[in-house]
């Protein structure tokens, strides 16, 4: 076997392993992993905030919740107060 074939087979094996692992996690927990900072209750409890919100607070700008464009979901706002979904 050539080195290219070995690398390709290892990459396919790694992708398959992680796909199966995520599927098993979904079946066991019954829901997707909460990775978004604004929707994860454990991150909220620990006081972890969106980087955009922290930057706005450091710059003494409006917080993410009071911005008319940003709804508090970090995926929906940016530092320039522009909507990402435009």
C-alpha atoms as a PDB file:
ATOM      1  CA  UNK A   1       0.000   0.000   0.000  1.00  0.00           C
ATOM      2  CA  UNK A   2       1.154   3.476  -0.707  1.00  0.00           C
ATOM      3  CA  UNK A   3       1.401   6.158   1.924  1.00  0.00           C
ATOM      4  CA  UNK A   4      -1.458   8.100   0.326  1.00  0.00           C
ATOM      5  CA  UNK A   5      -3.829   5.173   0.631  1.00  0.00           C
ATOM      6  CA  UNK A   6      -2.921   4.655   4.280  1.00  0.00           C
ATOM      7  CA  UNK A   7      -3.523   8.331   5.073  1.00  0.00           C
ATOM      8  CA  UNK A   8      -6.874   8.328   3.252  1.00  0.00           C
ATOM      9  CA  UNK A   9      -8.010   5.161   5.042  1.00  0.00           C
ATOM     10  CA  UNK A  10      -6.986   6.628   8.432  1.00  0.00           C
ATOM     11  CA  UNK A  11      -8.918   9.830   7.671  1.00  0.00           C
ATOM     12  CA  UNK A  12     -12.017   7.881   6.633  1.00  0.00           C
ATOM     13  CA  UNK A  13     -11.711   5.752   9.782  1.00  0.00           C
ATOM     14  CA  UNK A  14     -11.428   8.843  12.009  1.00  0.00           C
ATOM     15  CA  UNK A  15     -14.460  10.512  10.422  1.00  0.00           C
ATOM     16  CA  UNK A  16     -16.477   7.300  10.764  1.00  0.00           C
ATOM     17  CA  UNK A  17     -15.437   6.918  14.418  1.00  0.00           C
ATOM     18  CA  UNK A  18     -16.473  10.460  15.343  1.00  0.00           C
ATOM     19  CA  UNK A  19     -19.715  10.165  13.379  1.00  0.00           C
ATOM     20  CA  UNK A  20     -20.637   7.002  15.244  1.00  0.00           C
ATOM     21  CA  UNK A  21     -19.600   8.565  18.577  1.00  0.00           C
ATOM     22  CA  UNK A  22     -21.824  11.600  17.979  1.00  0.00           C
ATOM     23  CA  UNK A  23     -24.707   9.345  16.961  1.00  0.00           C
ATOM     24  CA  UNK A  24     -24.348   7.279  20.125  1.00  0.00           C
ATOM     25  CA  UNK A  25     -24.225  10.472  22.220  1.00  0.00           C
ATOM     26  CA  UNK A  26     -27.420  11.680  20.557  1.00  0.00           C
ATOM     27  CA  UNK A  27     -29.172   8.348  21.175  1.00  0.00           C
ATOM     28  CA  UNK A  28     -28.083   8.136  24.826  1.00  0.00           C
ATOM     29  CA  UNK A  29     -28.792  11.759  25.792  1.00  0.00           C
ATOM     30  CA  UNK A  30     -31.819  12.167  23.562  1.00  0.00           C
ATOM     31  CA  UNK A  31     -30.810  15.638  22.385  1.00  0.00           C
ATOM     32  CA  UNK A  32     -27.991  17.429  20.586  1.00  0.00           C
ATOM     33  CA  UNK A  33     -25.027  18.737  22.554  1.00  0.00           C
ATOM     34  CA  UNK A  34     -25.653  22.314  23.758  1.00  0.00           C
ATOM     35  CA  UNK A  35     -22.516  24.007  22.445  1.00  0.00           C
ATOM     36  CA  UNK A  36     -23.890  27.515  21.879  1.00  0.00           C
ATOM     37  CA  UNK A  37     -22.865  29.788  24.737  1.00  0.00           C
ATOM     38  CA  UNK A  38     -26.145  31.690  24.833  1.00  0.00           C
ATOM     39  CA  UNK A  39     -28.305  28.545  25.125  1.00  0.00           C
ATOM     40  CA  UNK A  40     -26.170  26.339  27.381  1.00  0.00           C
ATOM     41  CA  UNK A  41     -27.528  26.525  30.963  1.00  0.00           C
ATOM     42  CA  UNK A  42     -24.257  25.309  32.505  1.00  0.00           C
ATOM     43  CA  UNK A  43     -22.264  28.075  30.812  1.00  0.00           C
ATOM     44  CA  UNK A  44     -24.821  30.660  31.942  1.00  0.00           C
ATOM     45  CA  UNK A  45     -24.617  29.344  35.502  1.00  0.00           C
ATOM     46  CA  UNK A  46     -20.818  29.686  35.455  1.00  0.00           C
ATOM     47  CA  UNK A  47     -21.085  33.252  34.112  1.00  0.00           C
ATOM     48  CA  UNK A  48     -19.478  32.470  30.763  1.00  0.00           C
ATOM     49  CA  UNK A  49     -20.547  35.014  28.157  1.00  0.00           C
ATOM     50  CA  UNK A  50     -20.339  35.374  24.414  1.00  0.00           C
ATOM     51  CA  UNK A  51     -17.036  36.925  23.278  1.00  0.00           C
ATOM     52  CA  UNK A  52     -18.980  39.586  21.399  1.00  0.00           C
ATOM     53  CA  UNK A  53     -20.938  40.483  24.526  1.00  0.00           C
ATOM     54  CA  UNK A  54     -17.753  40.661  26.620  1.00  0.00           C
ATOM     55  CA  UNK A  55     -16.114  42.882  24.006  1.00  0.00           C
ATOM     56  CA  UNK A  56     -19.103  45.205  24.032  1.00  0.00           C
ATOM     57  CA  UNK A  57     -19.050  45.365  27.826  1.00  0.00           C
ATOM     58  CA  UNK A  58     -15.305  46.080  27.798  1.00  0.00           C
ATOM     59  CA  UNK A  59     -15.827  48.866  25.274  1.00  0.00           C
ATOM     60  CA  UNK A  60     -18.733  50.215  27.388  1.00  0.00           C
ATOM     61  CA  UNK A  61     -21.139  49.585  24.523  1.00  0.00           C
ATOM     62  CA  UNK A  62     -24.675  48.288  24.846  1.00  0.00           C
ATOM     63  CA  UNK A  63     -24.997  44.711  25.977  1.00  0.00           C
ATOM     64  CA  UNK A  64     -26.134  42.100  23.512  1.00  0.00           C
ATOM     65  CA  UNK A  65     -29.609  41.828  25.090  1.00  0.00           C
ATOM     66  CA  UNK A  66     -30.464  45.532  24.642  1.00  0.00           C
ATOM     67  CA  UNK A  67     -29.366  45.793  21.028  1.00  0.00           C
ATOM     68  CA  UNK A  68     -32.299  45.895  18.628  1.00  0.00           C
ATOM     69  CA  UNK A  69     -30.414  43.879  16.007  1.00  0.00           C
ATOM     70  CA  UNK A  70     -28.947  41.292  18.364  1.00  0.00           C
ATOM     71  CA  UNK A  71     -31.318  39.001  20.252  1.00  0.00           C
ATOM     72  CA  UNK A  72     -28.839  37.686  22.833  1.00  0.00           C
ATOM     73  CA  UNK A  73     -27.932  34.709  20.682  1.00  0.00           C
ATOM     74  CA  UNK A  74     -24.233  35.106  19.976  1.00  0.00           C
ATOM     75  CA  UNK A  75     -24.613  33.621  16.514  1.00  0.00           C
ATOM     76  CA  UNK A  76     -26.972  36.465  15.613  1.00  0.00           C
ATOM     77  CA  UNK A  77     -24.791  39.473  16.412  1.00  0.00           C
ATOM     78  CA  UNK A  78     -21.360  40.900  15.805  1.00  0.00           C
ATOM     79  CA  UNK A  79     -19.200  43.688  17.173  1.00  0.00           C
ATOM     80  CA  UNK A  80     -20.316  46.212  14.553  1.00  0.00           C
ATOM     81  CA  UNK A  81     -24.009  45.810  15.563  1.00  0.00           C
ATOM     82  CA  UNK A  82     -24.781  44.309  12.150  1.00  0.00           C
ATOM     83  CA  UNK A  83     -27.090  41.369  11.688  1.00  0.00           C
ATOM     84  CA  UNK A  84     -25.287  38.234  10.520  1.00  0.00           C
ATOM     85  CA  UNK A  85     -28.389  36.998   8.701  1.00  0.00           C
ATOM     86  CA  UNK A  86     -28.499  39.876   6.183  1.00  0.00           C
END
